[in-house]
Amino acid sequence: MKIEAHISRFLRAERGASLVELAIVLPLLLLLLMGAVDFGRAFYLSMEVSGAAESGAEYGSLNPTDFTGMVGAAQAGAPNVANLAVATPGYGCECADGTAFSSNCSTVPSCPTNNLVYRVTVKTSANYTPLFPWPKIPSSMLLSDSVTMRAGSNQ
């Protein structure tokens, strides 16, 4: 009988301990979850902005002077980004070895081996606003990317 009484008292003394532990740990777990959600959203937006720049540059590598098409391809590359901004694409000429560059091909650079290549540059950006205010983290961040690809012939 004595052993049962000790066991009974021991079990009663532990009542509610799990609830107290949960009350202590739950806010920490929620904070970690909110941080993971915010970080995931920022990472997704960053990937969309990069993919949009790559889509525009890929289109531009086939149609180097079609700036409207490059902007359209970049916007189509990130349909889920409402505030996507696409800067005016760039088109230029450079020597294959990278020694000289002309930003608009109006003056073609003189290359040592007459090996001229064309390139396009597409820059995209979007603002990211976190769901929750975090200390020492800005309320809005600009995520941007720039992709440069070699293009086909001068059209």
C-alpha atoms as a PDB file:
ATOM      1  CA  MET A   1       0.000   0.000   0.000  1.00  0.00           C
ATOM      2  CA  LYS A   2       2.766   2.422   0.817  1.00  0.00           C
ATOM      3  CA  ILE A   3       4.361   2.019  -2.579  1.00  0.00           C
ATOM      4  CA  GLU A   4       1.065   2.727  -4.317  1.00  0.00           C
ATOM      5  CA  ALA A   5       0.614   5.901  -2.280  1.00  0.00           C
ATOM      6  CA  HIS A   6       4.082   7.160  -3.257  1.00  0.00           C
ATOM      7  CA  ILE A   7       3.458   6.397  -6.906  1.00  0.00           C
ATOM      8  CA  SER A   8       0.091   8.104  -6.759  1.00  0.00           C
ATOM      9  CA  ARG A   9       1.591  11.259  -5.212  1.00  0.00           C
ATOM     10  CA  PHE A  10       4.404  11.253  -7.739  1.00  0.00           C
ATOM     11  CA  LEU A  11       1.973  11.073 -10.643  1.00  0.00           C
ATOM     12  CA  ARG A  12      -0.174  13.870  -9.222  1.00  0.00           C
ATOM     13  CA  ALA A  13       2.850  16.112  -8.765  1.00  0.00           C
ATOM     14  CA  GLU A  14       3.683  15.850 -12.492  1.00  0.00           C
ATOM     15  CA  ARG A  15       0.240  16.916 -13.675  1.00  0.00           C
ATOM     16  CA  GLY A  16       0.290  20.011 -15.845  1.00  0.00           C
ATOM     17  CA  ALA A  17       4.047  19.922 -16.420  1.00  0.00           C
ATOM     18  CA  SER A  18       3.567  19.131 -20.100  1.00  0.00           C
ATOM     19  CA  LEU A  19       1.173  22.033 -20.456  1.00  0.00           C
ATOM     20  CA  VAL A  20       3.703  24.413 -18.885  1.00  0.00           C
ATOM     21  CA  GLU A  21       6.456  23.108 -21.183  1.00  0.00           C
ATOM     22  CA  LEU A  22       4.204  23.576 -24.196  1.00  0.00           C
ATOM     23  CA  ALA A  23       3.380  27.128 -23.128  1.00  0.00           C
ATOM     24  CA  ILE A  24       7.092  27.909 -22.909  1.00  0.00           C
ATOM     25  CA  VAL A  25       8.114  26.261 -26.203  1.00  0.00           C
ATOM     26  CA  LEU A  26       5.123  27.119 -28.426  1.00  0.00           C
ATOM     27  CA  PRO A  27       5.957  30.831 -28.937  1.00  0.00           C
ATOM     28  CA  LEU A  28       9.478  29.868 -29.939  1.00  0.00           C
ATOM     29  CA  LEU A  29       8.190  27.319 -32.437  1.00  0.00           C
ATOM     30  CA  LEU A  30       5.744  29.861 -33.892  1.00  0.00           C
ATOM     31  CA  LEU A  31       8.538  32.410 -34.240  1.00  0.00           C
ATOM     32  CA  LEU A  32      10.663  29.863 -36.121  1.00  0.00           C
ATOM     33  CA  LEU A  33       7.709  28.984 -38.359  1.00  0.00           C
ATOM     34  CA  MET A  34       7.034  32.650 -39.187  1.00  0.00           C
ATOM     35  CA  GLY A  35      10.717  33.158 -40.016  1.00  0.00           C
ATOM     36  CA  ALA A  36      10.727  30.114 -42.279  1.00  0.00           C
ATOM     37  CA  VAL A  37       7.623  31.344 -44.111  1.00  0.00           C
ATOM     38  CA  ASP A  38       9.086  34.821 -44.631  1.00  0.00           C
ATOM     39  CA  PHE A  39      12.440  33.440 -45.768  1.00  0.00           C
ATOM     40  CA  GLY A  40      10.684  31.031 -48.152  1.00  0.00           C
ATOM     41  CA  ARG A  41       8.667  33.866 -49.700  1.00  0.00           C
ATOM     42  CA  ALA A  42      11.797  35.978 -50.178  1.00  0.00           C
ATOM     43  CA  PHE A  43      13.682  33.068 -51.735  1.00  0.00           C
ATOM     44  CA  TYR A  44      10.776  32.294 -54.094  1.00  0.00           C
ATOM     45  CA  LEU A  45      10.565  35.924 -55.225  1.00  0.00           C
ATOM     46  CA  SER A  46      14.329  36.023 -55.747  1.00  0.00           C
ATOM     47  CA  MET A  47      14.153  32.909 -57.938  1.00  0.00           C
ATOM     48  CA  GLU A  48      11.263  34.398 -59.950  1.00  0.00           C
ATOM     49  CA  VAL A  49      13.171  37.646 -60.550  1.00  0.00           C
ATOM     50  CA  SER A  50      16.256  35.693 -61.675  1.00  0.00           C
ATOM     51  CA  GLY A  51      14.183  33.448 -63.925  1.00  0.00           C
ATOM     52  CA  ALA A  52      12.514  36.473 -65.512  1.00  0.00           C
ATOM     53  CA  ALA A  53      15.882  38.058 -66.343  1.00  0.00           C
ATOM     54  CA  GLU A  54      17.087  34.784 -67.810  1.00  0.00           C
ATOM     55  CA  SER A  55      13.933  34.396 -69.917  1.00  0.00           C
ATOM     56  CA  GLY A  56      14.339  37.887 -71.326  1.00  0.00           C
ATOM     57  CA  ALA A  57      18.021  37.361 -72.095  1.00  0.00           C
ATOM     58  CA  GLU A  58      17.328  34.004 -73.710  1.00  0.00           C
ATOM     59  CA  TYR A  59      14.742  35.601 -75.988  1.00  0.00           C
ATOM     60  CA  GLY A  60      17.197  38.416 -76.684  1.00  0.00           C
ATOM     61  CA  SER A  61      19.936  35.978 -77.638  1.00  0.00           C
ATOM     62  CA  LEU A  62      17.726  34.919 -80.559  1.00  0.00           C
ATOM     63  CA  ASN A  63      16.290  38.393 -81.304  1.00  0.00           C
ATOM     64  CA  PRO A  64      18.954  40.855 -80.137  1.00  0.00           C
ATOM     65  CA  THR A  65      17.297  44.063 -81.330  1.00  0.00           C
ATOM     66  CA  ASP A  66      13.726  43.265 -80.231  1.00  0.00           C
ATOM     67  CA  PHE A  67      13.713  45.119 -76.896  1.00  0.00           C
ATOM     68  CA  THR A  68       9.922  44.948 -76.549  1.00  0.00           C
ATOM     69  CA  GLY A  69      10.057  41.180 -77.009  1.00  0.00           C
ATOM     70  CA  MET A  70      12.782  40.862 -74.364  1.00  0.00           C
ATOM     71  CA  VAL A  71      10.691  42.826 -71.860  1.00  0.00           C
ATOM     72  CA  GLY A  72       7.634  40.714 -72.703  1.00  0.00           C
ATOM     73  CA  ALA A  73       9.605  37.488 -72.329  1.00  0.00           C
ATOM     74  CA  ALA A  74      10.942  38.641 -68.958  1.00  0.00           C
ATOM     75  CA  GLN A  75       7.440  39.518 -67.744  1.00  0.00           C
ATOM     76  CA  ALA A  76       6.108  36.195 -69.025  1.00  0.00           C
ATOM     77  CA  GLY A  77       8.956  34.454 -67.177  1.00  0.00           C
ATOM     78  CA  ALA A  78       7.572  35.625 -63.819  1.00  0.00           C
ATOM     79  CA  PRO A  79       3.773  35.763 -64.106  1.00  0.00           C
ATOM     80  CA  ASN A  80       3.299  35.492 -60.316  1.00  0.00           C
ATOM     81  CA  VAL A  81       5.322  38.637 -59.542  1.00  0.00           C
ATOM     82  CA  ALA A  82       2.933  41.575 -59.586  1.00  0.00           C
ATOM     83  CA  ASN A  83       5.522  44.329 -59.111  1.00  0.00           C
ATOM     84  CA  LEU A  84       8.183  43.058 -61.544  1.00  0.00           C
ATOM     85  CA  ALA A  85      10.150  45.872 -63.174  1.00  0.00           C
ATOM     86  CA  VAL A  86      12.165  45.232 -66.314  1.00  0.00           C
ATOM     87  CA  ALA A  87      14.748  47.855 -67.254  1.00  0.00           C
ATOM     88  CA  THR A  88      15.344  48.683 -70.890  1.00  0.00           C
ATOM     89  CA  PRO A  89      17.424  45.781 -72.228  1.00  0.00           C
ATOM     90  CA  GLY A  90      20.912  46.445 -73.480  1.00  0.00           C
ATOM     91  CA  TYR A  91      22.439  45.292 -76.735  1.00  0.00           C
ATOM     92  CA  GLY A  92      26.099  45.573 -77.538  1.00  0.00           C
ATOM     93  CA  CYS A  93      29.101  44.234 -79.429  1.00  0.00           C
ATOM     94  CA  GLU A  94      32.322  42.921 -78.000  1.00  0.00           C
ATOM     95  CA  CYS A  95      35.424  41.092 -79.045  1.00  0.00           C
ATOM     96  CA  ALA A  96      35.257  37.370 -78.375  1.00  0.00           C
ATOM     97  CA  ASP A  97      38.287  37.628 -76.100  1.00  0.00           C
ATOM     98  CA  GLY A  98      36.626  40.454 -74.099  1.00  0.00           C
ATOM     99  CA  THR A  99      39.212  43.119 -74.913  1.00  0.00           C
ATOM    100  CA  ALA A 100      36.800  45.746 -76.328  1.00  0.00           C
ATOM    101  CA  PHE A 101      33.091  46.491 -75.973  1.00  0.00           C
ATOM    102  CA  SER A 102      30.587  48.822 -77.606  1.00  0.00           C
ATOM    103  CA  SER A 103      27.331  49.369 -75.756  1.00  0.00           C
ATOM    104  CA  ASN A 104      25.097  49.864 -78.807  1.00  0.00           C
ATOM    105  CA  CYS A 105      27.125  48.597 -81.795  1.00  0.00           C
ATOM    106  CA  SER A 106      27.009  52.044 -83.441  1.00  0.00           C
ATOM    107  CA  THR A 107      30.791  51.938 -83.340  1.00  0.00           C
ATOM    108  CA  VAL A 108      32.026  48.410 -83.750  1.00  0.00           C
ATOM    109  CA  PRO A 109      35.123  47.645 -81.670  1.00  0.00           C
ATOM    110  CA  SER A 110      38.230  46.615 -83.571  1.00  0.00           C
ATOM    111  CA  CYS A 111      39.097  43.117 -82.511  1.00  0.00           C
ATOM    112  CA  PRO A 112      42.565  41.657 -82.968  1.00  0.00           C
ATOM    113  CA  THR A 113      41.249  38.555 -84.692  1.00  0.00           C
ATOM    114  CA  ASN A 114      38.070  40.061 -86.209  1.00  0.00           C
ATOM    115  CA  ASN A 115      36.066  37.838 -83.903  1.00  0.00           C
ATOM    116  CA  LEU A 116      33.068  40.033 -83.020  1.00  0.00           C
ATOM    117  CA  VAL A 117      30.204  38.733 -80.893  1.00  0.00           C
ATOM    118  CA  TYR A 118      26.941  40.343 -79.841  1.00  0.00           C
ATOM    119  CA  ARG A 119      25.423  40.291 -76.388  1.00  0.00           C
ATOM    120  CA  VAL A 120      22.193  41.309 -74.677  1.00  0.00           C
ATOM    121  CA  THR A 121      21.620  42.293 -71.054  1.00  0.00           C
ATOM    122  CA  VAL A 122      18.286  42.131 -69.239  1.00  0.00           C
ATOM    123  CA  LYS A 123      17.803  43.555 -65.723  1.00  0.00           C
ATOM    124  CA  THR A 124      14.777  42.760 -63.573  1.00  0.00           C
ATOM    125  CA  SER A 125      13.773  43.792 -60.065  1.00  0.00           C
ATOM    126  CA  ALA A 126      10.895  43.528 -57.600  1.00  0.00           C
ATOM    127  CA  ASN A 127      10.189  44.773 -54.086  1.00  0.00           C
ATOM    128  CA  TYR A 128       9.804  42.245 -51.292  1.00  0.00           C
ATOM    129  CA  THR A 129       7.868  43.123 -48.161  1.00  0.00           C
ATOM    130  CA  PRO A 130       8.054  40.633 -45.260  1.00  0.00           C
ATOM    131  CA  LEU A 131       4.778  39.437 -43.735  1.00  0.00           C
ATOM    132  CA  PHE A 132       5.985  40.182 -40.213  1.00  0.00           C
ATOM    133  CA  PRO A 133       8.113  43.076 -38.970  1.00  0.00           C
ATOM    134  CA  TRP A 134      11.508  41.775 -37.883  1.00  0.00           C
ATOM    135  CA  PRO A 135      14.001  43.749 -35.825  1.00  0.00           C
ATOM    136  CA  LYS A 136      16.922  45.149 -37.841  1.00  0.00           C
ATOM    137  CA  ILE A 137      15.398  43.934 -41.131  1.00  0.00           C
ATOM    138  CA  PRO A 138      14.070  46.600 -43.516  1.00  0.00           C
ATOM    139  CA  SER A 139      10.330  46.782 -44.127  1.00  0.00           C
ATOM    140  CA  SER A 140      10.931  46.511 -47.882  1.00  0.00           C
ATOM    141  CA  MET A 141      13.805  45.058 -49.893  1.00  0.00           C
ATOM    142  CA  LEU A 142      14.660  45.377 -53.578  1.00  0.00           C
ATOM    143  CA  LEU A 143      15.522  42.045 -55.177  1.00  0.00           C
ATOM    144  CA  SER A 144      17.164  42.357 -58.584  1.00  0.00           C
ATOM    145  CA  ASP A 145      19.125  40.378 -61.120  1.00  0.00           C
ATOM    146  CA  SER A 146      20.933  41.041 -64.373  1.00  0.00           C
ATOM    147  CA  VAL A 147      21.635  38.411 -67.015  1.00  0.00           C
ATOM    148  CA  THR A 148      23.949  38.875 -69.991  1.00  0.00           C
ATOM    149  CA  MET A 149      23.999  36.363 -72.863  1.00  0.00           C
ATOM    150  CA  ARG A 150      25.740  36.196 -76.189  1.00  0.00           C
ATOM    151  CA  ALA A 151      23.369  36.872 -79.020  1.00  0.00           C
ATOM    152  CA  GLY A 152      23.092  35.686 -82.568  1.00  0.00           C
ATOM    153  CA  SER A 153      23.990  37.863 -85.520  1.00  0.00           C
ATOM    154  CA  ASN A 154      23.324  41.587 -85.726  1.00  0.00           C
ATOM    155  CA  GLN A 155      19.848  41.957 -87.218  1.00  0.00           C
END
